[in-house]
Amino acid sequence: HFLCLEFHMPDTFYSWFLVTELHVWMLMVRTMAEGEEGRFVRNNIIEAMWEDVSTRVKKLEPTNSSEIKAQLQELSEQFQAAIIGYDEGLLSDDKILAGVVWRIFLQQHCSDPENVECLVHYIRKQV
């Protein structure tokens, strides 16, 4: 994905998840503007995301089902926190959104403020 390349993210499952999480959230924002039909679409997007996550986790390495369940639970909790963070950023100004992007998407590993600004503009444009 171009975001992984642009922000020099490692080619890992977790990087894929961060990019997917961001885009699923943007789709959630858009679909929730469509009332009941949007809620139905949102729920299906989230369900498809978790099916994809589960499939990918199982392919990574052979682990027992309790480990997989624990990993999925941790990702689920992170996803819920990310939704709240991204929502707060979207409803606030660019400084708040930049902080959220730096903490969640960039995992506090970006020292170039122009990269953070680029991602904030990308999110505002897409939403």
N, C-alpha and C. Protein backbone atom coordinates (compact mmCIF):
# COMPACT_ATOMS: atom_id res chain seq x y z
N HIS A 1 0.84 -1.17 0.00
CA HIS A 1 0.00 0.00 0.00
C HIS A 1 0.88 1.23 0.00
N PHE A 2 0.43 2.28 -0.70
CA PHE A 2 1.25 3.46 -0.83
C PHE A 2 1.55 4.12 0.51
N LEU A 3 0.65 4.00 1.50
CA LEU A 3 0.92 4.60 2.80
C LEU A 3 2.11 3.93 3.48
N CYS A 4 2.22 2.62 3.34
CA CYS A 4 3.36 1.91 3.92
C CYS A 4 4.66 2.40 3.30
N LEU A 5 4.65 2.58 2.00
CA LEU A 5 5.85 3.07 1.33
C LEU A 5 6.14 4.51 1.70
N GLU A 6 5.12 5.34 1.65
CA GLU A 6 5.27 6.78 1.94
C GLU A 6 5.80 7.03 3.34
N PHE A 7 5.35 6.24 4.29
CA PHE A 7 5.73 6.47 5.68
C PHE A 7 6.77 5.47 6.19
N HIS A 8 7.39 4.75 5.26
CA HIS A 8 8.48 3.83 5.58
C HIS A 8 8.09 2.83 6.67
N MET A 9 6.90 2.29 6.52
CA MET A 9 6.41 1.31 7.49
C MET A 9 6.95 -0.07 7.10
N PRO A 10 7.29 -0.89 8.07
CA PRO A 10 7.78 -2.23 7.74
C PRO A 10 6.67 -3.07 7.10
N ASP A 11 7.07 -4.02 6.30
CA ASP A 11 6.12 -4.91 5.63
C ASP A 11 5.73 -6.02 6.60
N THR A 12 4.79 -5.69 7.49
CA THR A 12 4.36 -6.64 8.51
C THR A 12 2.84 -6.72 8.55
N PHE A 13 2.36 -7.73 9.22
CA PHE A 13 0.93 -7.86 9.45
C PHE A 13 0.40 -6.62 10.18
N TYR A 14 1.14 -6.16 11.17
CA TYR A 14 0.67 -5.04 11.97
C TYR A 14 0.58 -3.75 11.15
N SER A 15 1.53 -3.52 10.26
CA SER A 15 1.45 -2.36 9.37
C SER A 15 0.21 -2.46 8.49
N TRP A 16 -0.01 -3.65 7.95
CA TRP A 16 -1.22 -3.87 7.15
C TRP A 16 -2.46 -3.56 7.99
N PHE A 17 -2.47 -4.01 9.24
CA PHE A 17 -3.63 -3.77 10.09
C PHE A 17 -3.84 -2.28 10.33
N LEU A 18 -2.78 -1.54 10.57
CA LEU A 18 -2.92 -0.10 10.81
C LEU A 18 -3.50 0.62 9.60
N VAL A 19 -3.04 0.25 8.41
CA VAL A 19 -3.57 0.85 7.17
C VAL A 19 -5.04 0.46 6.99
N THR A 20 -5.34 -0.81 7.21
CA THR A 20 -6.71 -1.29 7.07
C THR A 20 -7.63 -0.63 8.09
N GLU A 21 -7.17 -0.56 9.33
CA GLU A 21 -7.94 0.07 10.41
C GLU A 21 -8.31 1.51 10.05
N LEU A 22 -7.34 2.26 9.55
CA LEU A 22 -7.60 3.65 9.16
C LEU A 22 -8.64 3.74 8.06
N HIS A 23 -8.52 2.89 7.04
CA HIS A 23 -9.44 2.96 5.92
C HIS A 23 -10.83 2.43 6.29
N VAL A 24 -10.89 1.42 7.13
CA VAL A 24 -12.20 0.94 7.60
C VAL A 24 -12.88 2.04 8.39
N TRP A 25 -12.13 2.73 9.24
CA TRP A 25 -12.72 3.84 10.00
C TRP A 25 -13.26 4.91 9.05
N MET A 26 -12.50 5.27 8.01
CA MET A 26 -12.98 6.28 7.06
C MET A 26 -14.26 5.81 6.37
N LEU A 27 -14.32 4.54 6.04
CA LEU A 27 -15.55 4.00 5.45
C LEU A 27 -16.71 4.03 6.44
N MET A 28 -16.40 3.77 7.70
CA MET A 28 -17.43 3.81 8.74
C MET A 28 -18.01 5.22 8.86
N VAL A 29 -17.13 6.22 8.84
CA VAL A 29 -17.58 7.61 8.93
C VAL A 29 -18.53 7.91 7.78
N ARG A 30 -18.14 7.50 6.60
CA ARG A 30 -18.96 7.79 5.41
C ARG A 30 -20.29 7.04 5.44
N THR A 31 -20.25 5.76 5.77
CA THR A 31 -21.49 4.98 5.70
C THR A 31 -22.48 5.36 6.80
N MET A 32 -21.97 5.81 7.94
CA MET A 32 -22.88 6.17 9.03
C MET A 32 -23.71 7.41 8.70
N ALA A 33 -23.32 8.14 7.67
CA ALA A 33 -24.10 9.29 7.23
C ALA A 33 -25.33 8.86 6.44
N GLU A 34 -25.48 7.57 6.20
CA GLU A 34 -26.56 7.06 5.36
C GLU A 34 -27.66 6.36 6.16
N GLY A 35 -27.77 6.64 7.44
CA GLY A 35 -28.86 6.10 8.25
C GLY A 35 -28.78 4.59 8.43
N GLU A 36 -29.94 3.96 8.41
CA GLU A 36 -30.04 2.52 8.68
C GLU A 36 -29.30 1.69 7.62
N GLU A 37 -29.41 2.09 6.36
CA GLU A 37 -28.69 1.36 5.31
C GLU A 37 -27.19 1.49 5.50
N GLY A 38 -26.74 2.66 5.91
CA GLY A 38 -25.33 2.87 6.17
C GLY A 38 -24.83 2.02 7.33
N ARG A 39 -25.67 1.89 8.35
CA ARG A 39 -25.31 1.04 9.50
C ARG A 39 -25.13 -0.41 9.05
N PHE A 40 -26.01 -0.87 8.16
CA PHE A 40 -25.92 -2.23 7.63
C PHE A 40 -24.61 -2.41 6.86
N VAL A 41 -24.28 -1.44 6.01
CA VAL A 41 -23.04 -1.50 5.24
C VAL A 41 -21.84 -1.46 6.18
N ARG A 42 -21.87 -0.56 7.16
CA ARG A 42 -20.77 -0.46 8.13
C ARG A 42 -20.54 -1.79 8.83
N ASN A 43 -21.60 -2.42 9.29
CA ASN A 43 -21.47 -3.69 9.99
C ASN A 43 -20.86 -4.77 9.10
N ASN A 44 -21.23 -4.77 7.83
CA ASN A 44 -20.66 -5.75 6.90
C ASN A 44 -19.20 -5.46 6.60
N ILE A 45 -18.83 -4.20 6.53
CA ILE A 45 -17.42 -3.84 6.32
C ILE A 45 -16.59 -4.33 7.49
N ILE A 46 -17.08 -4.08 8.70
CA ILE A 46 -16.35 -4.50 9.90
C ILE A 46 -16.26 -6.02 9.96
N GLU A 47 -17.34 -6.70 9.65
CA GLU A 47 -17.32 -8.16 9.66
C GLU A 47 -16.31 -8.70 8.65
N ALA A 48 -16.28 -8.12 7.46
CA ALA A 48 -15.32 -8.56 6.44
C ALA A 48 -13.89 -8.28 6.89
N MET A 49 -13.67 -7.14 7.55
CA MET A 49 -12.34 -6.83 8.04
C MET A 49 -11.87 -7.89 9.03
N TRP A 50 -12.74 -8.27 9.99
CA TRP A 50 -12.35 -9.25 11.00
C TRP A 50 -12.16 -10.63 10.40
N GLU A 51 -12.93 -10.98 9.38
CA GLU A 51 -12.70 -12.26 8.69
C GLU A 51 -11.33 -12.25 8.04
N ASP A 52 -10.97 -11.13 7.40
CA ASP A 52 -9.67 -11.01 6.76
C ASP A 52 -8.55 -11.05 7.80
N VAL A 53 -8.72 -10.33 8.89
CA VAL A 53 -7.72 -10.33 9.97
C VAL A 53 -7.52 -11.76 10.49
N SER A 54 -8.61 -12.45 10.76
CA SER A 54 -8.53 -13.81 11.29
C SER A 54 -7.80 -14.74 10.33
N THR A 55 -8.13 -14.64 9.06
CA THR A 55 -7.48 -15.47 8.04
C THR A 55 -5.98 -15.19 8.00
N ARG A 56 -5.62 -13.91 8.03
CA ARG A 56 -4.21 -13.54 7.95
C ARG A 56 -3.44 -13.97 9.21
N VAL A 57 -4.06 -13.82 10.38
CA VAL A 57 -3.40 -14.22 11.62
C VAL A 57 -3.11 -15.71 11.59
N LYS A 58 -4.04 -16.50 11.13
CA LYS A 58 -3.86 -17.95 11.09
C LYS A 58 -2.75 -18.36 10.12
N LYS A 59 -2.51 -17.56 9.09
CA LYS A 59 -1.47 -17.88 8.11
C LYS A 59 -0.08 -17.48 8.58
N LEU A 60 0.00 -16.61 9.56
CA LEU A 60 1.30 -16.10 9.98
C LEU A 60 2.20 -17.18 10.54
N GLU A 61 1.71 -17.89 11.50
CA GLU A 61 2.50 -18.96 12.11
C GLU A 61 1.55 -19.91 12.81
N PRO A 62 1.92 -21.15 12.87
CA PRO A 62 1.04 -22.08 13.57
C PRO A 62 1.03 -21.78 15.07
N THR A 63 -0.12 -21.43 15.56
CA THR A 63 -0.29 -21.20 16.99
C THR A 63 -1.57 -21.89 17.42
N ASN A 64 -1.73 -22.04 18.70
CA ASN A 64 -2.96 -22.68 19.16
C ASN A 64 -4.10 -21.67 19.15
N SER A 65 -5.29 -22.18 19.22
CA SER A 65 -6.47 -21.33 19.08
C SER A 65 -6.60 -20.32 20.21
N SER A 66 -6.12 -20.63 21.40
CA SER A 66 -6.21 -19.67 22.50
C SER A 66 -5.28 -18.48 22.26
N GLU A 67 -4.12 -18.72 21.65
CA GLU A 67 -3.21 -17.62 21.30
C GLU A 67 -3.83 -16.73 20.23
N ILE A 68 -4.42 -17.35 19.23
CA ILE A 68 -5.07 -16.60 18.16
C ILE A 68 -6.21 -15.76 18.73
N LYS A 69 -7.00 -16.36 19.60
CA LYS A 69 -8.11 -15.64 20.21
C LYS A 69 -7.61 -14.44 21.01
N ALA A 70 -6.53 -14.62 21.74
CA ALA A 70 -5.96 -13.52 22.53
C ALA A 70 -5.44 -12.41 21.61
N GLN A 71 -4.79 -12.79 20.51
CA GLN A 71 -4.29 -11.79 19.56
C GLN A 71 -5.45 -11.02 18.93
N LEU A 72 -6.49 -11.72 18.56
CA LEU A 72 -7.65 -11.05 17.95
C LEU A 72 -8.34 -10.13 18.96
N GLN A 73 -8.40 -10.55 20.21
CA GLN A 73 -8.99 -9.72 21.26
C GLN A 73 -8.20 -8.43 21.44
N GLU A 74 -6.89 -8.55 21.43
CA GLU A 74 -6.04 -7.37 21.56
C GLU A 74 -6.22 -6.41 20.38
N LEU A 75 -6.28 -6.96 19.18
CA LEU A 75 -6.51 -6.12 18.01
C LEU A 75 -7.88 -5.47 18.05
N SER A 76 -8.87 -6.19 18.54
CA SER A 76 -10.22 -5.66 18.65
C SER A 76 -10.25 -4.47 19.61
N GLU A 77 -9.59 -4.61 20.74
CA GLU A 77 -9.54 -3.52 21.71
C GLU A 77 -8.82 -2.31 21.12
N GLN A 78 -7.75 -2.57 20.39
CA GLN A 78 -7.02 -1.47 19.75
C GLN A 78 -7.91 -0.79 18.71
N PHE A 79 -8.65 -1.58 17.93
CA PHE A 79 -9.53 -1.03 16.92
C PHE A 79 -10.58 -0.11 17.55
N GLN A 80 -11.17 -0.55 18.64
CA GLN A 80 -12.17 0.28 19.33
C GLN A 80 -11.55 1.59 19.81
N ALA A 81 -10.36 1.53 20.36
CA ALA A 81 -9.68 2.74 20.82
C ALA A 81 -9.33 3.65 19.64
N ALA A 82 -8.91 3.05 18.53
CA ALA A 82 -8.56 3.84 17.35
C ALA A 82 -9.78 4.57 16.80
N ILE A 83 -10.93 3.91 16.79
CA ILE A 83 -12.15 4.55 16.31
C ILE A 83 -12.45 5.80 17.13
N ILE A 84 -12.34 5.66 18.44
CA ILE A 84 -12.60 6.81 19.32
C ILE A 84 -11.59 7.91 19.05
N GLY A 85 -10.32 7.54 18.94
CA GLY A 85 -9.28 8.54 18.69
C GLY A 85 -9.47 9.24 17.36
N TYR A 86 -9.69 8.46 16.31
CA TYR A 86 -9.87 9.07 14.99
C TYR A 86 -11.13 9.95 14.96
N ASP A 87 -12.21 9.49 15.59
CA ASP A 87 -13.42 10.30 15.66
C ASP A 87 -13.14 11.64 16.35
N GLU A 88 -12.44 11.57 17.48
CA GLU A 88 -12.11 12.81 18.20
C GLU A 88 -11.29 13.73 17.31
N GLY A 89 -10.31 13.18 16.62
CA GLY A 89 -9.48 13.98 15.73
C GLY A 89 -10.26 14.59 14.60
N LEU A 90 -11.16 13.81 14.02
CA LEU A 90 -11.96 14.30 12.91
C LEU A 90 -12.86 15.45 13.34
N LEU A 91 -13.43 15.33 14.53
CA LEU A 91 -14.36 16.35 15.02
C LEU A 91 -13.64 17.56 15.63
N SER A 92 -12.33 17.46 15.78
CA SER A 92 -11.55 18.56 16.35
C SER A 92 -10.76 19.24 15.23
N ASP A 93 -9.74 19.96 15.63
CA ASP A 93 -8.91 20.62 14.63
C ASP A 93 -7.76 19.72 14.18
N ASP A 94 -6.97 20.23 13.25
CA ASP A 94 -5.89 19.42 12.68
C ASP A 94 -4.82 19.07 13.69
N LYS A 95 -4.62 19.90 14.73
CA LYS A 95 -3.62 19.57 15.75
C LYS A 95 -4.02 18.30 16.50
N ILE A 96 -5.29 18.18 16.83
CA ILE A 96 -5.76 16.99 17.54
C ILE A 96 -5.67 15.77 16.62
N LEU A 97 -6.11 15.92 15.38
CA LEU A 97 -6.03 14.81 14.42
C LEU A 97 -4.57 14.40 14.19
N ALA A 98 -3.67 15.37 14.13
CA ALA A 98 -2.25 15.06 13.95
C ALA A 98 -1.72 14.24 15.13
N GLY A 99 -2.13 14.59 16.33
CA GLY A 99 -1.71 13.82 17.50
C GLY A 99 -2.22 12.40 17.46
N VAL A 100 -3.45 12.24 17.03
CA VAL A 100 -4.04 10.90 16.92
C VAL A 100 -3.30 10.08 15.86
N VAL A 101 -3.05 10.69 14.72
CA VAL A 101 -2.33 10.01 13.63
C VAL A 101 -0.94 9.59 14.10
N TRP A 102 -0.26 10.49 14.80
CA TRP A 102 1.09 10.19 15.28
C TRP A 102 1.07 9.03 16.28
N ARG A 103 0.09 9.04 17.18
CA ARG A 103 0.02 7.98 18.20
C ARG A 103 -0.44 6.65 17.63
N ILE A 104 -1.51 6.66 16.84
CA ILE A 104 -2.13 5.40 16.41
C ILE A 104 -1.48 4.87 15.13
N PHE A 105 -1.55 5.65 14.07
CA PHE A 105 -1.09 5.15 12.77
C PHE A 105 0.43 5.06 12.69
N LEU A 106 1.11 6.11 13.13
CA LEU A 106 2.56 6.15 13.02
C LEU A 106 3.26 5.55 14.23
N GLN A 107 2.48 5.15 15.24
CA GLN A 107 3.01 4.47 16.42
C GLN A 107 4.12 5.27 17.10
N GLN A 108 4.02 6.58 17.04
CA GLN A 108 4.97 7.51 17.66
C GLN A 108 6.39 7.36 17.09
N HIS A 109 6.49 6.86 15.86
CA HIS A 109 7.80 6.64 15.25
C HIS A 109 8.12 7.61 14.12
N CYS A 110 7.41 8.69 14.04
CA CYS A 110 7.64 9.63 12.95
C CYS A 110 8.20 10.93 13.54
N SER A 111 9.35 11.33 13.06
CA SER A 111 9.94 12.57 13.55
C SER A 111 9.81 13.70 12.52
N ASP A 112 9.18 13.42 11.40
CA ASP A 112 9.02 14.42 10.35
C ASP A 112 7.59 14.96 10.38
N PRO A 113 7.40 16.17 10.85
CA PRO A 113 6.05 16.73 10.95
C PRO A 113 5.34 16.85 9.60
N GLU A 114 6.11 16.92 8.52
CA GLU A 114 5.48 16.99 7.20
C GLU A 114 4.76 15.70 6.85
N ASN A 115 5.28 14.56 7.31
CA ASN A 115 4.60 13.29 7.10
C ASN A 115 3.28 13.25 7.86
N VAL A 116 3.29 13.75 9.08
CA VAL A 116 2.05 13.79 9.87
C VAL A 116 1.05 14.71 9.18
N GLU A 117 1.51 15.87 8.73
CA GLU A 117 0.64 16.82 8.04
C GLU A 117 0.06 16.20 6.77
N CYS A 118 0.88 15.47 6.03
CA CYS A 118 0.43 14.81 4.81
C CYS A 118 -0.69 13.82 5.11
N LEU A 119 -0.55 13.07 6.17
CA LEU A 119 -1.56 12.08 6.53
C LEU A 119 -2.84 12.76 7.01
N VAL A 120 -2.72 13.85 7.75
CA VAL A 120 -3.90 14.61 8.19
C VAL A 120 -4.66 15.12 6.97
N HIS A 121 -3.95 15.67 5.99
CA HIS A 121 -4.60 16.15 4.77
C HIS A 121 -5.25 15.01 4.00
N TYR A 122 -4.58 13.86 3.94
CA TYR A 122 -5.13 12.68 3.27
C TYR A 122 -6.45 12.27 3.91
N ILE A 123 -6.47 12.21 5.25
CA ILE A 123 -7.69 11.81 5.96
C ILE A 123 -8.80 12.80 5.70
N ARG A 124 -8.51 14.09 5.86
CA ARG A 124 -9.56 15.12 5.64
C ARG A 124 -10.09 15.04 4.21
N LYS A 125 -9.22 14.84 3.25
CA LYS A 125 -9.65 14.76 1.85
C LYS A 125 -10.53 13.53 1.60
N GLN A 126 -10.11 12.38 2.15
CA GLN A 126 -10.85 11.14 1.93
C GLN A 126 -12.22 11.17 2.61
N VAL A 127 -12.26 11.73 3.81
CA VAL A 127 -13.52 11.77 4.55
C VAL A 127 -14.42 12.83 3.94
